[in-house]
C-alpha cells in the first residue's frame, strides 16, 4: 500500500482508540473511556490493522496483549496525538488571545519617523506577537500586501490600491530642503516658476515622496520632466548628506528634517499644498488575524492626532478610504 493510501486511512480517532486499548488491554473498558460503543471501537481497530496490513495485538484466550508491532507503534501514536493536542490548544488560544507573527511593510519615512513608537505600543500590549518590519518604497509596500508577503502595509504616496482595503492613519507634509548656506535658505518659500532654475536631488522613482512631489508639480502646471534632476537616492539620509555644501534643492517629509535643522546643517522652506496621507492597507480577501486587527486599531487611533508640523492631507485615493472598524473580518 502506498504512502498516499496510508495518509488517507490513518485518522486521529483510530490512534486514540488504539492507544486507549493498549493502555487498558480491554476493548470494552476502552470503549467506555472514549464514550463509544464496543462495536465502534472494535471496528476502528480492525480497520486500522487491515488498512495497514499489520496486527497490533495478540488475542490470547478471552483477552488481548500488545504484540511486538503494537509496542513499536505505540510511542509514535502517542506522539502524533500529543502534537494534535498542541495544535488544538494553539487554535483555542488564537480564538481568545492575540499572538503569532505580524508582518508589516512600510515606506521609509513612516518606518523611520512615525511607526516605531506605535510598534512599541503593540509590543507592550501584546508581547506574544512577534513583530517583523520590512522597509521599501510605496510601490514595494503595495506589491508585498497584494502578494501576501505582508499583513499590513503603510504607504506615504499615491498608489493603486485595487484589491486592497485602505484607510488614512496620519497626515504629513513635504518641504523644500537646502544647505544652510544656500542663497534661498532665508526665504520662507519659493514660487514654482523658480523651480526650473534649480538643480534637484530627489527620492527614487516609486517612492511616495517622489510621486506626491510630481503630482504637486502637475497641479501647478509644471512638467516634472522639465526640472533638472541631477541625481536620486533611495533614502532621506543620503539626500541630506548630498545637499550639504551644494546649491542643490531636495524635497522630503518635514518629519525627516528635525535632526539636520537642529544641527544647523540645512534650511527648510515651505511647499504649500504638498500634503500627503500615511495610509494603512490590508488585503481585502485575506483573513485578518487578531494581531492584524489589534495593530490596525493602534494605527487608526492616532488618526485624529495631528502634530504641529503637519497639516490635514487629502487621501491619495479617496474612493478606497473606509472606516477600518467597519471592514469585514
C-alpha atoms as a PDB file:
ATOM      1  CA  UNK A   1       0.000   0.000   0.000  1.00  0.00           C
ATOM      2  CA  UNK A   2       1.454   3.392  -0.979  1.00  0.00           C
ATOM      3  CA  UNK A   3       2.023   6.430   1.241  1.00  0.00           C
ATOM      4  CA  UNK A   4      -0.990   8.394  -0.003  1.00  0.00           C
ATOM      5  CA  UNK A   5      -3.286   5.495   0.958  1.00  0.00           C
ATOM      6  CA  UNK A   6      -1.737   5.399   4.449  1.00  0.00           C
ATOM      7  CA  UNK A   7      -2.388   9.118   4.883  1.00  0.00           C
ATOM      8  CA  UNK A   8      -5.988   8.684   3.794  1.00  0.00           C
ATOM      9  CA  UNK A   9      -6.862   5.908   6.215  1.00  0.00           C
ATOM     10  CA  UNK A  10      -4.850   6.833   9.314  1.00  0.00           C
ATOM     11  CA  UNK A  11      -7.097   9.032  11.453  1.00  0.00           C
ATOM     12  CA  UNK A  12      -6.679  10.614  14.866  1.00  0.00           C
ATOM     13  CA  UNK A  13      -9.743   8.719  16.050  1.00  0.00           C
ATOM     14  CA  UNK A  14      -8.123   5.406  15.145  1.00  0.00           C
ATOM     15  CA  UNK A  15      -4.963   6.428  17.006  1.00  0.00           C
ATOM     16  CA  UNK A  16      -6.937   7.406  20.118  1.00  0.00           C
ATOM     17  CA  UNK A  17      -8.736   4.084  20.099  1.00  0.00           C
ATOM     18  CA  UNK A  18      -5.523   2.113  19.590  1.00  0.00           C
ATOM     19  CA  UNK A  19      -3.708   3.958  22.399  1.00  0.00           C
ATOM     20  CA  UNK A  20      -6.593   3.535  24.845  1.00  0.00           C
ATOM     21  CA  UNK A  21      -6.874  -0.186  24.118  1.00  0.00           C
ATOM     22  CA  UNK A  22      -3.100  -0.525  24.519  1.00  0.00           C
ATOM     23  CA  UNK A  23      -3.303   1.224  27.887  1.00  0.00           C
ATOM     24  CA  UNK A  24      -6.261  -0.785  29.219  1.00  0.00           C
ATOM     25  CA  UNK A  25      -5.756  -4.037  27.276  1.00  0.00           C
ATOM     26  CA  UNK A  26      -9.536  -4.238  27.292  1.00  0.00           C
ATOM     27  CA  UNK A  27     -11.814  -3.284  24.393  1.00  0.00           C
ATOM     28  CA  UNK A  28     -14.945  -2.785  26.493  1.00  0.00           C
ATOM     29  CA  UNK A  29     -13.149  -0.594  29.040  1.00  0.00           C
ATOM     30  CA  UNK A  30     -11.516   1.464  26.257  1.00  0.00           C
ATOM     31  CA  UNK A  31     -14.911   1.984  24.631  1.00  0.00           C
ATOM     32  CA  UNK A  32     -16.385   3.210  27.920  1.00  0.00           C
ATOM     33  CA  UNK A  33     -13.460   5.587  28.493  1.00  0.00           C
ATOM     34  CA  UNK A  34     -13.855   7.011  24.984  1.00  0.00           C
ATOM     35  CA  UNK A  35     -17.659   7.179  25.240  1.00  0.00           C
ATOM     36  CA  UNK A  36     -18.021   4.881  22.244  1.00  0.00           C
ATOM     37  CA  UNK A  37     -19.743   1.573  21.702  1.00  0.00           C
ATOM     38  CA  UNK A  38     -17.704  -1.615  21.888  1.00  0.00           C
ATOM     39  CA  UNK A  39     -18.665  -2.358  18.290  1.00  0.00           C
ATOM     40  CA  UNK A  40     -17.344   1.024  17.100  1.00  0.00           C
ATOM     41  CA  UNK A  41     -14.039   0.545  18.918  1.00  0.00           C
ATOM     42  CA  UNK A  42     -13.566  -2.984  17.582  1.00  0.00           C
ATOM     43  CA  UNK A  43     -14.410  -1.856  14.060  1.00  0.00           C
ATOM     44  CA  UNK A  44     -11.965   1.059  14.188  1.00  0.00           C
ATOM     45  CA  UNK A  45      -9.130  -1.136  15.448  1.00  0.00           C
ATOM     46  CA  UNK A  46      -9.868  -3.795  12.858  1.00  0.00           C
ATOM     47  CA  UNK A  47      -9.890  -1.227  10.075  1.00  0.00           C
ATOM     48  CA  UNK A  48      -6.575   0.246  11.265  1.00  0.00           C
ATOM     49  CA  UNK A  49      -4.931  -3.172  11.196  1.00  0.00           C
ATOM     50  CA  UNK A  50      -6.437  -4.227   7.855  1.00  0.00           C
ATOM     51  CA  UNK A  51      -5.661  -0.987   6.040  1.00  0.00           C
ATOM     52  CA  UNK A  52      -2.007  -1.149   7.026  1.00  0.00           C
ATOM     53  CA  UNK A  53      -1.548  -4.875   6.812  1.00  0.00           C
ATOM     54  CA  UNK A  54      -0.350  -5.302  10.377  1.00  0.00           C
ATOM     55  CA  UNK A  55      -1.588  -6.926  13.575  1.00  0.00           C
ATOM     56  CA  UNK A  56      -1.071  -4.791  16.684  1.00  0.00           C
ATOM     57  CA  UNK A  57      -2.489  -7.122  19.351  1.00  0.00           C
ATOM     58  CA  UNK A  58      -2.393 -10.821  20.059  1.00  0.00           C
ATOM     59  CA  UNK A  59      -5.699 -12.357  21.057  1.00  0.00           C
ATOM     60  CA  UNK A  60      -4.823 -14.633  23.991  1.00  0.00           C
ATOM     61  CA  UNK A  61      -7.790 -16.583  25.319  1.00  0.00           C
ATOM     62  CA  UNK A  62     -10.508 -14.077  26.076  1.00  0.00           C
ATOM     63  CA  UNK A  63      -8.022 -11.199  26.476  1.00  0.00           C
ATOM     64  CA  UNK A  64      -5.633  -9.187  24.302  1.00  0.00           C
ATOM     65  CA  UNK A  65      -1.966  -8.283  24.588  1.00  0.00           C
ATOM     66  CA  UNK A  66       0.221  -5.828  22.688  1.00  0.00           C
ATOM     67  CA  UNK A  67       2.483  -7.716  20.330  1.00  0.00           C
ATOM     68  CA  UNK A  68       5.900  -6.526  19.122  1.00  0.00           C
ATOM     69  CA  UNK A  69       4.404  -4.471  16.275  1.00  0.00           C
ATOM     70  CA  UNK A  70       1.986  -2.825  18.690  1.00  0.00           C
ATOM     71  CA  UNK A  71       4.744  -1.984  21.177  1.00  0.00           C
ATOM     72  CA  UNK A  72       6.809  -0.397  18.400  1.00  0.00           C
ATOM     73  CA  UNK A  73       3.840   1.606  17.101  1.00  0.00           C
ATOM     74  CA  UNK A  74       2.577   2.866  20.483  1.00  0.00           C
ATOM     75  CA  UNK A  75       5.202   5.661  21.021  1.00  0.00           C
ATOM     76  CA  UNK A  76       4.581   7.049  17.531  1.00  0.00           C
ATOM     77  CA  UNK A  77       0.822   7.012  18.029  1.00  0.00           C
ATOM     78  CA  UNK A  78       1.159   8.836  21.347  1.00  0.00           C
ATOM     79  CA  UNK A  79       3.494  11.416  19.771  1.00  0.00           C
ATOM     80  CA  UNK A  80       1.010  12.159  16.979  1.00  0.00           C
ATOM     81  CA  UNK A  81      -1.845  12.576  19.468  1.00  0.00           C
ATOM     82  CA  UNK A  82       0.294  14.877  21.611  1.00  0.00           C
ATOM     83  CA  UNK A  83       1.159  17.009  18.575  1.00  0.00           C
ATOM     84  CA  UNK A  84      -2.515  17.156  17.606  1.00  0.00           C
ATOM     85  CA  UNK A  85      -3.372  18.337  21.121  1.00  0.00           C
ATOM     86  CA  UNK A  86      -0.778  21.096  20.857  1.00  0.00           C
ATOM     87  CA  UNK A  87      -2.306  22.172  17.531  1.00  0.00           C
ATOM     88  CA  UNK A  88      -5.784  22.169  19.054  1.00  0.00           C
ATOM     89  CA  UNK A  89      -4.616  24.178  22.058  1.00  0.00           C
ATOM     90  CA  UNK A  90      -2.966  26.694  19.721  1.00  0.00           C
ATOM     91  CA  UNK A  91      -6.187  27.164  17.767  1.00  0.00           C
ATOM     92  CA  UNK A  92      -8.116  27.654  21.001  1.00  0.00           C
ATOM     93  CA  UNK A  93      -5.570  30.212  22.189  1.00  0.00           C
ATOM     94  CA  UNK A  94      -5.768  32.073  18.891  1.00  0.00           C
ATOM     95  CA  UNK A  95      -9.533  32.250  19.246  1.00  0.00           C
ATOM     96  CA  UNK A  96      -9.282  34.102  22.562  1.00  0.00           C
ATOM     97  CA  UNK A  97      -5.774  35.560  22.616  1.00  0.00           C
ATOM     98  CA  UNK A  98      -3.623  37.770  20.408  1.00  0.00           C
ATOM     99  CA  UNK A  99      -0.367  36.099  19.480  1.00  0.00           C
ATOM    100  CA  UNK A 100       1.606  34.901  16.470  1.00  0.00           C
ATOM    101  CA  UNK A 101       3.628  36.851  13.909  1.00  0.00           C
ATOM    102  CA  UNK A 102       2.684  40.168  12.324  1.00  0.00           C
ATOM    103  CA  UNK A 103       4.455  41.213   9.124  1.00  0.00           C
ATOM    104  CA  UNK A 104       4.487  44.965   8.456  1.00  0.00           C
ATOM    105  CA  UNK A 105       5.904  46.519   5.289  1.00  0.00           C
ATOM    106  CA  UNK A 106       6.269  50.306   5.445  1.00  0.00           C
ATOM    107  CA  UNK A 107       7.547  53.173   3.361  1.00  0.00           C
ATOM    108  CA  UNK A 108      10.796  54.677   4.594  1.00  0.00           C
ATOM    109  CA  UNK A 109       9.582  57.889   6.216  1.00  0.00           C
ATOM    110  CA  UNK A 110       6.824  56.038   8.060  1.00  0.00           C
ATOM    111  CA  UNK A 111       9.195  53.286   9.180  1.00  0.00           C
ATOM    112  CA  UNK A 112      11.848  55.702  10.408  1.00  0.00           C
ATOM    113  CA  UNK A 113       9.849  58.568  11.941  1.00  0.00           C
ATOM    114  CA  UNK A 114       6.230  57.573  12.606  1.00  0.00           C
ATOM    115  CA  UNK A 115       5.856  53.831  13.130  1.00  0.00           C
ATOM    116  CA  UNK A 116       8.443  52.830  15.797  1.00  0.00           C
ATOM    117  CA  UNK A 117       6.625  54.040  18.909  1.00  0.00           C
ATOM    118  CA  UNK A 118       3.379  52.522  17.622  1.00  0.00           C
ATOM    119  CA  UNK A 119       5.133  49.208  17.238  1.00  0.00           C
ATOM    120  CA  UNK A 120       6.410  49.591  20.789  1.00  0.00           C
ATOM    121  CA  UNK A 121       2.838  50.178  21.965  1.00  0.00           C
ATOM    122  CA  UNK A 122       1.778  46.998  20.164  1.00  0.00           C
ATOM    123  CA  UNK A 123       4.611  45.066  21.820  1.00  0.00           C
ATOM    124  CA  UNK A 124       3.727  46.463  25.226  1.00  0.00           C
ATOM    125  CA  UNK A 125       0.077  45.481  24.918  1.00  0.00           C
ATOM    126  CA  UNK A 126       0.583  42.165  23.103  1.00  0.00           C
ATOM    127  CA  UNK A 127       4.054  40.821  23.975  1.00  0.00           C
ATOM    128  CA  UNK A 128       3.276  37.396  22.491  1.00  0.00           C
ATOM    129  CA  UNK A 129       3.031  38.871  18.997  1.00  0.00           C
ATOM    130  CA  UNK A 130       6.288  38.765  17.039  1.00  0.00           C
ATOM    131  CA  UNK A 131       6.599  41.967  15.016  1.00  0.00           C
ATOM    132  CA  UNK A 132       8.503  41.888  11.736  1.00  0.00           C
ATOM    133  CA  UNK A 133       9.173  45.160   9.867  1.00  0.00           C
ATOM    134  CA  UNK A 134      10.441  45.495   6.321  1.00  0.00           C
ATOM    135  CA  UNK A 135      11.126  48.829   4.632  1.00  0.00           C
ATOM    136  CA  UNK A 136      10.608  49.721   0.984  1.00  0.00           C
ATOM    137  CA  UNK A 137       9.090  52.415  -1.175  1.00  0.00           C
ATOM    138  CA  UNK A 138       5.358  52.767  -1.720  1.00  0.00           C
ATOM    139  CA  UNK A 139       5.363  50.522  -4.786  1.00  0.00           C
ATOM    140  CA  UNK A 140       7.196  47.785  -2.860  1.00  0.00           C
ATOM    141  CA  UNK A 141       4.735  48.014   0.025  1.00  0.00           C
ATOM    142  CA  UNK A 142       1.637  47.664  -2.147  1.00  0.00           C
ATOM    143  CA  UNK A 143       3.140  44.714  -4.005  1.00  0.00           C
ATOM    144  CA  UNK A 144       4.025  42.979  -0.719  1.00  0.00           C
ATOM    145  CA  UNK A 145       0.461  43.267   0.632  1.00  0.00           C
ATOM    146  CA  UNK A 146      -1.060  42.186  -2.674  1.00  0.00           C
ATOM    147  CA  UNK A 147       1.247  39.152  -2.849  1.00  0.00           C
ATOM    148  CA  UNK A 148       0.501  38.126   0.738  1.00  0.00           C
ATOM    149  CA  UNK A 149       4.062  38.851   1.914  1.00  0.00           C
ATOM    150  CA  UNK A 150       2.852  41.499   4.378  1.00  0.00           C
ATOM    151  CA  UNK A 151      -0.160  41.558   6.691  1.00  0.00           C
ATOM    152  CA  UNK A 152      -0.220  45.361   6.885  1.00  0.00           C
ATOM    153  CA  UNK A 153       1.316  47.873   4.505  1.00  0.00           C
ATOM    154  CA  UNK A 154       1.918  51.537   5.275  1.00  0.00           C
ATOM    155  CA  UNK A 155       2.342  53.888   2.339  1.00  0.00           C
ATOM    156  CA  UNK A 156       3.022  57.586   2.034  1.00  0.00           C
ATOM    157  CA  UNK A 157       2.323  58.197  -1.610  1.00  0.00           C
ATOM    158  CA  UNK A 158      -0.116  57.754  -4.452  1.00  0.00           C
ATOM    159  CA  UNK A 159      -0.677  54.103  -5.295  1.00  0.00           C
ATOM    160  CA  UNK A 160      -3.054  51.675  -6.969  1.00  0.00           C
ATOM    161  CA  UNK A 161      -4.949  50.066  -4.096  1.00  0.00           C
ATOM    162  CA  UNK A 162      -7.073  47.786  -6.283  1.00  0.00           C
ATOM    163  CA  UNK A 163      -7.892  44.642  -4.301  1.00  0.00           C
ATOM    164  CA  UNK A 164      -6.803  46.236  -1.029  1.00  0.00           C
ATOM    165  CA  UNK A 165      -8.608  47.970   1.816  1.00  0.00           C
ATOM    166  CA  UNK A 166      -7.060  51.293   2.760  1.00  0.00           C
ATOM    167  CA  UNK A 167      -7.506  53.896   5.452  1.00  0.00           C
ATOM    168  CA  UNK A 168      -5.619  57.099   6.257  1.00  0.00           C
ATOM    169  CA  UNK A 169      -3.853  56.836   9.620  1.00  0.00           C
ATOM    170  CA  UNK A 170      -1.845  60.092   9.696  1.00  0.00           C
ATOM    171  CA  UNK A 171      -1.034  63.236   7.742  1.00  0.00           C
ATOM    172  CA  UNK A 172       2.291  64.540   6.517  1.00  0.00           C
ATOM    173  CA  UNK A 173       3.640  67.452   4.510  1.00  0.00           C
ATOM    174  CA  UNK A 174       6.587  67.856   2.171  1.00  0.00           C
ATOM    175  CA  UNK A 175       9.085  70.704   2.266  1.00  0.00           C
ATOM    176  CA  UNK A 176      11.990  72.017   0.229  1.00  0.00           C
ATOM    177  CA  UNK A 177      15.365  71.343   1.815  1.00  0.00           C
ATOM    178  CA  UNK A 178      18.605  73.218   1.067  1.00  0.00           C
ATOM    179  CA  UNK A 179      22.036  73.633   2.585  1.00  0.00           C
ATOM    180  CA  UNK A 180      22.087  76.220   5.379  1.00  0.00           C
ATOM    181  CA  UNK A 181      24.340  78.454   3.240  1.00  0.00           C
ATOM    182  CA  UNK A 182      22.203  78.207   0.106  1.00  0.00           C
ATOM    183  CA  UNK A 183      21.181  81.612  -1.404  1.00  0.00           C
ATOM    184  CA  UNK A 184      17.494  80.854  -0.782  1.00  0.00           C
ATOM    185  CA  UNK A 185      17.975  79.440   2.719  1.00  0.00           C
ATOM    186  CA  UNK A 186      16.489  82.506   4.457  1.00  0.00           C
ATOM    187  CA  UNK A 187      13.357  82.578   2.351  1.00  0.00           C
ATOM    188  CA  UNK A 188      10.076  81.152   3.595  1.00  0.00           C
ATOM    189  CA  UNK A 189       9.093  79.603   0.270  1.00  0.00           C
ATOM    190  CA  UNK A 190       9.796  79.618  -3.469  1.00  0.00           C
ATOM    191  CA  UNK A 191       7.452  80.235  -6.354  1.00  0.00           C
ATOM    192  CA  UNK A 192       7.084  77.288  -8.685  1.00  0.00           C
ATOM    193  CA  UNK A 193       8.305  79.474 -11.551  1.00  0.00           C
ATOM    194  CA  UNK A 194      11.736  79.395  -9.901  1.00  0.00           C
ATOM    195  CA  UNK A 195      11.909  75.612  -9.893  1.00  0.00           C
ATOM    196  CA  UNK A 196      13.253  75.482 -13.451  1.00  0.00           C
ATOM    197  CA  UNK A 197      16.394  77.353 -12.361  1.00  0.00           C
ATOM    198  CA  UNK A 198      17.291  74.921  -9.602  1.00  0.00           C
ATOM    199  CA  UNK A 199      19.246  71.673  -9.536  1.00  0.00           C
ATOM    200  CA  UNK A 200      17.249  68.944  -7.814  1.00  0.00           C
ATOM    201  CA  UNK A 201      18.089  65.858  -5.774  1.00  0.00           C
ATOM    202  CA  UNK A 202      15.039  63.614  -5.405  1.00  0.00           C
ATOM    203  CA  UNK A 203      13.970  60.282  -3.985  1.00  0.00           C
ATOM    204  CA  UNK A 204      13.917  57.321  -6.362  1.00  0.00           C
ATOM    205  CA  UNK A 205      11.046  56.663  -8.762  1.00  0.00           C
ATOM    206  CA  UNK A 206       8.478  54.526  -6.959  1.00  0.00           C
ATOM    207  CA  UNK A 207       8.845  56.338  -3.649  1.00  0.00           C
ATOM    208  CA  UNK A 208       5.842  58.086  -2.132  1.00  0.00           C
ATOM    209  CA  UNK A 209       7.783  61.336  -1.744  1.00  0.00           C
ATOM    210  CA  UNK A 210       8.689  61.407  -5.436  1.00  0.00           C
ATOM    211  CA  UNK A 211       5.134  60.562  -6.546  1.00  0.00           C
ATOM    212  CA  UNK A 212       3.497  63.221  -4.348  1.00  0.00           C
ATOM    213  CA  UNK A 213       6.009  65.889  -5.413  1.00  0.00           C
ATOM    214  CA  UNK A 214       5.487  65.146  -9.109  1.00  0.00           C
ATOM    215  CA  UNK A 215       1.724  65.299  -8.634  1.00  0.00           C
ATOM    216  CA  UNK A 216       2.179  68.643  -6.840  1.00  0.00           C
ATOM    217  CA  UNK A 217       4.154  69.945  -9.828  1.00  0.00           C
ATOM    218  CA  UNK A 218       1.470  68.895 -12.294  1.00  0.00           C
ATOM    219  CA  UNK A 219      -1.226  70.617 -10.236  1.00  0.00           C
ATOM    220  CA  UNK A 220       0.856  73.776 -10.528  1.00  0.00           C
ATOM    221  CA  UNK A 221       1.308  73.400 -14.291  1.00  0.00           C
ATOM    222  CA  UNK A 222       4.933  72.260 -14.067  1.00  0.00           C
ATOM    223  CA  UNK A 223       6.081  69.253 -16.058  1.00  0.00           C
ATOM    224  CA  UNK A 224       8.313  67.124 -13.773  1.00  0.00           C
ATOM    225  CA  UNK A 225      10.382  66.240 -16.809  1.00  0.00           C
ATOM    226  CA  UNK A 226      11.369  69.893 -17.242  1.00  0.00           C
ATOM    227  CA  UNK A 227      13.205  70.057 -13.911  1.00  0.00           C
ATOM    228  CA  UNK A 228      16.944  69.488 -13.742  1.00  0.00           C
ATOM    229  CA  UNK A 229      17.327  66.390 -11.594  1.00  0.00           C
ATOM    230  CA  UNK A 230      20.999  65.761 -11.004  1.00  0.00           C
ATOM    231  CA  UNK A 231      20.568  62.528  -9.058  1.00  0.00           C
ATOM    232  CA  UNK A 232      18.178  60.456  -6.987  1.00  0.00           C
ATOM    233  CA  UNK A 233      18.657  58.491  -3.781  1.00  0.00           C
ATOM    234  CA  UNK A 234      16.718  55.726  -2.032  1.00  0.00           C
ATOM    235  CA  UNK A 235      16.961  57.218   1.473  1.00  0.00           C
ATOM    236  CA  UNK A 236      16.335  60.552   3.177  1.00  0.00           C
ATOM    237  CA  UNK A 237      19.682  60.323   4.956  1.00  0.00           C
ATOM    238  CA  UNK A 238      21.536  60.074   1.647  1.00  0.00           C
ATOM    239  CA  UNK A 239      19.719  63.143   0.335  1.00  0.00           C
ATOM    240  CA  UNK A 240      20.564  65.186   3.422  1.00  0.00           C
ATOM    241  CA  UNK A 241      24.215  64.235   3.071  1.00  0.00           C
ATOM    242  CA  UNK A 242      24.209  65.028  -0.658  1.00  0.00           C
ATOM    243  CA  UNK A 243      22.842  68.581  -0.396  1.00  0.00           C
ATOM    244  CA  UNK A 244      25.329  69.725   2.246  1.00  0.00           C
ATOM    245  CA  UNK A 245      27.755  72.255   0.794  1.00  0.00           C
ATOM    246  CA  UNK A 246      25.922  72.371  -2.549  1.00  0.00           C
ATOM    247  CA  UNK A 247      23.307  74.568  -4.194  1.00  0.00           C
ATOM    248  CA  UNK A 248      21.034  71.626  -4.923  1.00  0.00           C
ATOM    249  CA  UNK A 249      17.452  71.518  -3.655  1.00  0.00           C
ATOM    250  CA  UNK A 250      15.688  68.439  -2.293  1.00  0.00           C
ATOM    251  CA  UNK A 251      12.156  67.508  -1.301  1.00  0.00           C
ATOM    252  CA  UNK A 252      11.326  65.386   1.719  1.00  0.00           C
ATOM    253  CA  UNK A 253       8.971  64.970   4.632  1.00  0.00           C
ATOM    254  CA  UNK A 254       9.308  67.565   7.364  1.00  0.00           C
ATOM    255  CA  UNK A 255       9.487  64.645   9.778  1.00  0.00           C
ATOM    256  CA  UNK A 256      12.841  63.650   8.266  1.00  0.00           C
ATOM    257  CA  UNK A 257      14.471  67.064   8.731  1.00  0.00           C
ATOM    258  CA  UNK A 258      14.389  67.550  12.506  1.00  0.00           C
ATOM    259  CA  UNK A 259      17.903  66.460  13.408  1.00  0.00           C
ATOM    260  CA  UNK A 260      19.501  68.241  10.450  1.00  0.00           C
ATOM    261  CA  UNK A 261      17.710  71.500  11.324  1.00  0.00           C
ATOM    262  CA  UNK A 262      18.789  71.276  14.954  1.00  0.00           C
ATOM    263  CA  UNK A 263      22.347  70.661  13.812  1.00  0.00           C
ATOM    264  CA  UNK A 264      22.289  73.818  11.681  1.00  0.00           C
ATOM    265  CA  UNK A 265      23.104  71.818   8.549  1.00  0.00           C
ATOM    266  CA  UNK A 266      20.037  72.632   6.464  1.00  0.00           C
ATOM    267  CA  UNK A 267      17.225  75.095   5.974  1.00  0.00           C
ATOM    268  CA  UNK A 268      13.641  74.105   5.249  1.00  0.00           C
ATOM    269  CA  UNK A 269      11.278  76.058   3.005  1.00  0.00           C
ATOM    270  CA  UNK A 270       7.529  75.668   2.822  1.00  0.00           C
ATOM    271  CA  UNK A 271       5.913  73.836  -0.057  1.00  0.00           C
ATOM    272  CA  UNK A 272       2.274  74.966   0.314  1.00  0.00           C
ATOM    273  CA  UNK A 273      -0.189  72.372  -0.896  1.00  0.00           C
ATOM    274  CA  UNK A 274       2.251  69.448  -0.885  1.00  0.00           C
ATOM    275  CA  UNK A 275       0.435  67.409   1.714  1.00  0.00           C
ATOM    276  CA  UNK A 276       0.015  63.675   1.735  1.00  0.00           C
ATOM    277  CA  UNK A 277      -1.562  60.902   3.752  1.00  0.00           C
ATOM    278  CA  UNK A 278       0.005  57.972   5.524  1.00  0.00           C
ATOM    279  CA  UNK A 279      -2.224  55.083   4.510  1.00  0.00           C
ATOM    280  CA  UNK A 280      -2.564  51.614   6.024  1.00  0.00           C
ATOM    281  CA  UNK A 281      -3.514  48.872   3.593  1.00  0.00           C
ATOM    282  CA  UNK A 282      -4.604  45.273   4.076  1.00  0.00           C
ATOM    283  CA  UNK A 283      -5.673  42.658   1.562  1.00  0.00           C
ATOM    284  CA  UNK A 284      -9.420  42.738   1.031  1.00  0.00           C
ATOM    285  CA  UNK A 285      -9.776  38.970   0.604  1.00  0.00           C
ATOM    286  CA  UNK A 286      -7.374  37.623   3.235  1.00  0.00           C
ATOM    287  CA  UNK A 287      -8.356  36.893   6.827  1.00  0.00           C
ATOM    288  CA  UNK A 288      -7.147  39.487   9.285  1.00  0.00           C
ATOM    289  CA  UNK A 289      -5.608  37.801  12.305  1.00  0.00           C
ATOM    290  CA  UNK A 290      -6.273  39.070  15.811  1.00  0.00           C
ATOM    291  CA  UNK A 291      -2.756  40.533  15.735  1.00  0.00           C
ATOM    292  CA  UNK A 292      -3.532  42.392  12.500  1.00  0.00           C
ATOM    293  CA  UNK A 293      -6.762  43.742  13.945  1.00  0.00           C
ATOM    294  CA  UNK A 294      -5.012  44.887  17.135  1.00  0.00           C
ATOM    295  CA  UNK A 295      -2.246  46.681  15.212  1.00  0.00           C
ATOM    296  CA  UNK A 296      -4.742  48.362  12.895  1.00  0.00           C
ATOM    297  CA  UNK A 297      -6.641  49.730  15.884  1.00  0.00           C
ATOM    298  CA  UNK A 298      -3.407  51.183  17.264  1.00  0.00           C
ATOM    299  CA  UNK A 299      -2.576  52.771  13.906  1.00  0.00           C
ATOM    300  CA  UNK A 300      -6.057  54.195  13.429  1.00  0.00           C
ATOM    301  CA  UNK A 301      -6.279  55.521  16.985  1.00  0.00           C
ATOM    302  CA  UNK A 302      -3.664  58.172  16.181  1.00  0.00           C
ATOM    303  CA  UNK A 303      -5.556  59.449  13.157  1.00  0.00           C
ATOM    304  CA  UNK A 304      -7.025  62.437  14.995  1.00  0.00           C
ATOM    305  CA  UNK A 305      -3.663  63.485  16.436  1.00  0.00           C
ATOM    306  CA  UNK A 306      -2.025  65.895  14.026  1.00  0.00           C
ATOM    307  CA  UNK A 307       1.174  67.382  15.379  1.00  0.00           C
ATOM    308  CA  UNK A 308       2.279  70.970  14.839  1.00  0.00           C
ATOM    309  CA  UNK A 309       4.428  70.084  11.837  1.00  0.00           C
ATOM    310  CA  UNK A 310       1.691  68.502   9.753  1.00  0.00           C
ATOM    311  CA  UNK A 311      -1.484  69.625   8.089  1.00  0.00           C
ATOM    312  CA  UNK A 312      -4.601  67.760   7.117  1.00  0.00           C
ATOM    313  CA  UNK A 313      -3.976  65.804   3.935  1.00  0.00           C
ATOM    314  CA  UNK A 314      -6.096  64.511   1.139  1.00  0.00           C
ATOM    315  CA  UNK A 315      -6.475  60.775   0.866  1.00  0.00           C
ATOM    316  CA  UNK A 316      -4.447  59.859  -2.239  1.00  0.00           C
ATOM    317  CA  UNK A 317      -7.288  57.542  -3.222  1.00  0.00           C
ATOM    318  CA  UNK A 318     -10.478  58.840  -1.562  1.00  0.00           C
ATOM    319  CA  UNK A 319     -12.705  56.199  -3.145  1.00  0.00           C
ATOM    320  CA  UNK A 320     -10.896  53.489  -1.197  1.00  0.00           C
ATOM    321  CA  UNK A 321     -10.700  55.283   2.154  1.00  0.00           C
ATOM    322  CA  UNK A 322     -13.033  53.446   4.526  1.00  0.00           C
ATOM    323  CA  UNK A 323     -13.710  53.269   8.217  1.00  0.00           C
ATOM    324  CA  UNK A 324     -11.456  50.378   9.238  1.00  0.00           C
ATOM    325  CA  UNK A 325     -13.716  49.332  12.098  1.00  0.00           C
ATOM    326  CA  UNK A 326     -16.493  48.633   9.579  1.00  0.00           C
ATOM    327  CA  UNK A 327     -14.395  46.469   7.273  1.00  0.00           C
ATOM    328  CA  UNK A 328     -15.394  42.783   7.057  1.00  0.00           C
ATOM    329  CA  UNK A 329     -13.191  40.386   9.016  1.00  0.00           C
END
